[in-house]
């Protein structure tokens, strides 16, 4: 997804390059889509996809946060 963002002329403003994580009570328990992570999406209760992007050298950024609930049958937007 980061390659897609750059390809479309934007930059990812997240300081760790993330765009998604599980929704949990403490930040330390968050699960990210990253290399080596074997967790299935239906193993977490809720998940968000929220790229924080901007045009290069812009003073402003944009994010749109979507929440999802996954089960073994697929995805349900919340």
N, C-alpha and C. Protein backbone atom coordinates (compact mmCIF):
# COMPACT_ATOMS: atom_id res chain seq x y z
N UNK A 1 0.81 -1.19 0.00
CA UNK A 1 0.00 0.00 0.00
C UNK A 1 0.86 1.27 0.00
N UNK A 2 2.00 1.21 0.70
CA UNK A 2 2.90 2.37 0.69
C UNK A 2 3.40 2.67 -0.73
N UNK A 3 3.67 1.63 -1.50
CA UNK A 3 4.09 1.83 -2.89
C UNK A 3 2.98 2.50 -3.70
N UNK A 4 1.73 2.11 -3.46
CA UNK A 4 0.59 2.69 -4.15
C UNK A 4 0.45 4.17 -3.81
N UNK A 5 0.63 4.51 -2.53
CA UNK A 5 0.54 5.91 -2.09
C UNK A 5 1.58 6.76 -2.81
N UNK A 6 2.81 6.29 -2.88
CA UNK A 6 3.89 7.02 -3.57
C UNK A 6 3.60 7.10 -5.07
N UNK A 7 3.14 6.00 -5.63
CA UNK A 7 2.82 5.96 -7.07
C UNK A 7 1.76 7.00 -7.43
N UNK A 8 0.84 7.29 -6.52
CA UNK A 8 -0.22 8.27 -6.77
C UNK A 8 0.19 9.69 -6.42
N UNK A 9 1.46 9.88 -5.99
CA UNK A 9 1.97 11.22 -5.75
C UNK A 9 1.83 11.73 -4.33
N UNK A 10 1.60 10.84 -3.37
CA UNK A 10 1.44 11.24 -1.97
C UNK A 10 2.59 10.70 -1.13
N UNK A 11 2.64 11.12 0.13
CA UNK A 11 3.56 10.56 1.11
C UNK A 11 2.75 10.07 2.30
N UNK A 12 3.24 9.01 2.94
CA UNK A 12 2.62 8.48 4.16
C UNK A 12 3.19 9.27 5.32
N UNK A 13 2.35 9.94 6.10
CA UNK A 13 2.82 10.78 7.20
C UNK A 13 3.00 10.05 8.52
N UNK A 14 2.58 8.78 8.59
CA UNK A 14 2.73 8.04 9.84
C UNK A 14 4.21 7.84 10.13
N UNK A 15 4.64 8.17 11.34
CA UNK A 15 6.07 8.12 11.67
C UNK A 15 6.65 6.72 11.61
N UNK A 16 5.80 5.68 11.68
CA UNK A 16 6.28 4.30 11.57
C UNK A 16 5.92 3.67 10.23
N UNK A 17 5.26 4.44 9.36
CA UNK A 17 4.87 3.92 8.05
C UNK A 17 3.64 3.03 8.07
N UNK A 18 2.94 2.98 9.20
CA UNK A 18 1.76 2.14 9.33
C UNK A 18 0.52 2.81 8.75
N UNK A 19 -0.46 1.98 8.45
CA UNK A 19 -1.75 2.49 7.97
C UNK A 19 -2.91 1.75 8.59
N UNK A 20 -2.63 0.74 9.38
CA UNK A 20 -3.69 -0.11 9.89
C UNK A 20 -3.28 -0.71 11.23
N UNK A 21 -4.29 -1.06 12.04
CA UNK A 21 -4.01 -1.75 13.30
C UNK A 21 -5.31 -2.29 13.89
N UNK A 22 -5.15 -3.22 14.80
CA UNK A 22 -6.31 -3.74 15.52
C UNK A 22 -6.78 -2.66 16.51
N UNK A 23 -8.05 -2.73 16.88
CA UNK A 23 -8.60 -1.81 17.89
C UNK A 23 -8.60 -2.55 19.22
N UNK A 24 -7.79 -2.06 20.16
CA UNK A 24 -7.64 -2.68 21.46
C UNK A 24 -7.63 -1.60 22.54
N UNK A 25 -7.58 -2.01 23.80
CA UNK A 25 -7.64 -1.04 24.89
C UNK A 25 -6.32 -0.30 25.12
N UNK A 26 -5.18 -0.96 24.87
CA UNK A 26 -3.90 -0.29 25.08
C UNK A 26 -3.06 -0.36 23.80
N UNK A 27 -2.35 0.70 23.53
CA UNK A 27 -1.58 0.80 22.28
C UNK A 27 -0.56 -0.33 22.15
N UNK A 28 -0.01 -0.78 23.25
CA UNK A 28 0.99 -1.84 23.21
C UNK A 28 0.42 -3.18 22.74
N UNK A 29 -0.89 -3.34 22.78
CA UNK A 29 -1.54 -4.58 22.34
C UNK A 29 -1.95 -4.53 20.87
N UNK A 30 -1.71 -3.43 20.20
CA UNK A 30 -2.10 -3.32 18.79
C UNK A 30 -1.38 -4.35 17.93
N UNK A 31 -2.08 -4.84 16.93
CA UNK A 31 -1.51 -5.75 15.95
C UNK A 31 -1.55 -5.04 14.61
N UNK A 32 -0.42 -5.04 13.91
CA UNK A 32 -0.30 -4.38 12.62
C UNK A 32 -0.12 -5.42 11.52
N UNK A 33 -0.46 -5.07 10.30
CA UNK A 33 -0.11 -5.91 9.16
C UNK A 33 1.35 -5.61 8.86
N UNK A 34 2.20 -6.56 9.13
CA UNK A 34 3.63 -6.37 8.93
C UNK A 34 4.29 -7.72 8.69
N UNK A 35 5.47 -7.67 8.13
CA UNK A 35 6.22 -8.88 7.81
C UNK A 35 6.41 -9.73 9.07
N UNK A 36 6.13 -11.02 8.96
CA UNK A 36 6.29 -11.94 10.07
C UNK A 36 5.06 -12.11 10.95
N UNK A 37 4.07 -11.24 10.80
CA UNK A 37 2.85 -11.35 11.60
C UNK A 37 1.97 -12.46 11.00
N UNK A 38 1.66 -13.46 11.79
CA UNK A 38 0.86 -14.60 11.33
C UNK A 38 -0.59 -14.52 11.82
N UNK A 39 -0.96 -13.44 12.50
CA UNK A 39 -2.32 -13.29 13.03
C UNK A 39 -3.32 -13.15 11.90
N UNK A 40 -4.41 -13.88 11.98
CA UNK A 40 -5.51 -13.76 11.01
C UNK A 40 -6.40 -12.59 11.42
N UNK A 41 -6.98 -11.90 10.46
CA UNK A 41 -7.83 -10.75 10.78
C UNK A 41 -9.02 -11.15 11.65
N UNK A 42 -9.56 -12.34 11.47
CA UNK A 42 -10.69 -12.75 12.30
C UNK A 42 -10.27 -13.10 13.73
N UNK A 43 -8.95 -13.11 14.01
CA UNK A 43 -8.48 -13.34 15.37
C UNK A 43 -8.52 -12.08 16.22
N UNK A 44 -8.75 -10.93 15.61
CA UNK A 44 -8.90 -9.68 16.36
C UNK A 44 -10.35 -9.24 16.26
N UNK A 45 -10.85 -8.58 17.29
CA UNK A 45 -12.26 -8.20 17.30
C UNK A 45 -12.55 -7.10 16.27
N UNK A 46 -11.75 -6.05 16.29
CA UNK A 46 -11.96 -4.93 15.37
C UNK A 46 -10.63 -4.53 14.75
N UNK A 47 -10.72 -3.93 13.58
CA UNK A 47 -9.53 -3.54 12.83
C UNK A 47 -9.83 -2.23 12.12
N UNK A 48 -8.81 -1.37 11.98
CA UNK A 48 -8.99 -0.11 11.27
C UNK A 48 -7.94 0.04 10.18
N UNK A 49 -8.35 0.67 9.11
CA UNK A 49 -7.42 1.03 8.04
C UNK A 49 -7.52 2.54 7.90
N UNK A 50 -6.41 3.24 8.17
CA UNK A 50 -6.45 4.70 8.22
C UNK A 50 -5.16 5.33 7.72
N UNK A 51 -4.92 5.28 6.41
CA UNK A 51 -3.71 5.93 5.92
C UNK A 51 -3.76 7.44 6.19
N UNK A 52 -2.65 7.99 6.62
CA UNK A 52 -2.51 9.42 6.87
C UNK A 52 -1.55 9.93 5.82
N UNK A 53 -2.08 10.62 4.81
CA UNK A 53 -1.29 10.98 3.63
C UNK A 53 -1.33 12.49 3.36
N UNK A 54 -0.41 12.93 2.52
CA UNK A 54 -0.36 14.33 2.10
C UNK A 54 0.37 14.41 0.76
N UNK A 55 0.18 15.53 0.09
CA UNK A 55 1.03 15.82 -1.06
C UNK A 55 2.40 16.20 -0.53
N UNK A 56 3.47 15.84 -1.21
CA UNK A 56 4.81 16.23 -0.74
C UNK A 56 4.89 17.75 -0.53
N UNK A 57 5.54 18.15 0.55
CA UNK A 57 5.76 19.56 0.93
C UNK A 57 4.48 20.30 1.31
N UNK A 58 3.36 19.60 1.46
CA UNK A 58 2.12 20.24 1.88
C UNK A 58 2.15 20.50 3.39
N UNK A 59 1.46 21.54 3.83
CA UNK A 59 1.33 21.83 5.25
C UNK A 59 0.18 21.03 5.87
N UNK A 60 -0.62 20.35 5.05
CA UNK A 60 -1.81 19.66 5.53
C UNK A 60 -1.78 18.19 5.12
N UNK A 61 -2.36 17.35 5.98
CA UNK A 61 -2.48 15.93 5.68
C UNK A 61 -3.94 15.53 5.74
N UNK A 62 -4.22 14.31 5.32
CA UNK A 62 -5.58 13.81 5.27
C UNK A 62 -5.60 12.36 5.74
N UNK A 63 -6.59 12.02 6.54
CA UNK A 63 -6.80 10.63 6.92
C UNK A 63 -8.29 10.33 6.89
N UNK A 64 -8.61 9.15 6.49
CA UNK A 64 -9.99 8.66 6.53
C UNK A 64 -9.93 7.30 7.19
N UNK A 65 -10.57 7.18 8.33
CA UNK A 65 -10.48 5.95 9.10
C UNK A 65 -11.72 5.09 8.89
N UNK A 66 -11.50 3.85 8.50
CA UNK A 66 -12.57 2.86 8.35
C UNK A 66 -12.35 1.78 9.39
N UNK A 67 -13.44 1.34 10.02
CA UNK A 67 -13.39 0.26 11.00
C UNK A 67 -14.02 -0.98 10.40
N UNK A 68 -13.43 -2.14 10.70
CA UNK A 68 -13.91 -3.41 10.17
C UNK A 68 -14.00 -4.44 11.27
N UNK A 69 -14.96 -5.33 11.12
CA UNK A 69 -15.09 -6.50 11.97
C UNK A 69 -14.96 -7.70 11.04
N UNK A 70 -14.06 -8.62 11.34
CA UNK A 70 -13.82 -9.77 10.48
C UNK A 70 -14.29 -11.05 11.16
N UNK A 71 -14.82 -11.95 10.36
CA UNK A 71 -15.06 -13.30 10.83
C UNK A 71 -14.63 -14.25 9.72
N UNK A 72 -14.77 -15.52 9.92
CA UNK A 72 -14.28 -16.49 8.93
C UNK A 72 -15.07 -16.46 7.63
N UNK A 73 -16.19 -15.76 7.61
CA UNK A 73 -16.99 -15.62 6.39
C UNK A 73 -16.65 -14.36 5.60
N UNK A 74 -15.82 -13.49 6.16
CA UNK A 74 -15.46 -12.28 5.44
C UNK A 74 -15.43 -11.05 6.31
N UNK A 75 -15.64 -9.92 5.69
CA UNK A 75 -15.50 -8.62 6.32
C UNK A 75 -16.85 -7.94 6.49
N UNK A 76 -17.00 -7.22 7.58
CA UNK A 76 -18.19 -6.40 7.76
C UNK A 76 -17.71 -4.99 8.14
N UNK A 77 -18.07 -4.01 7.35
CA UNK A 77 -17.72 -2.62 7.66
C UNK A 77 -18.57 -2.16 8.84
N UNK A 78 -17.98 -1.37 9.71
CA UNK A 78 -18.71 -0.82 10.86
C UNK A 78 -18.96 0.65 10.66
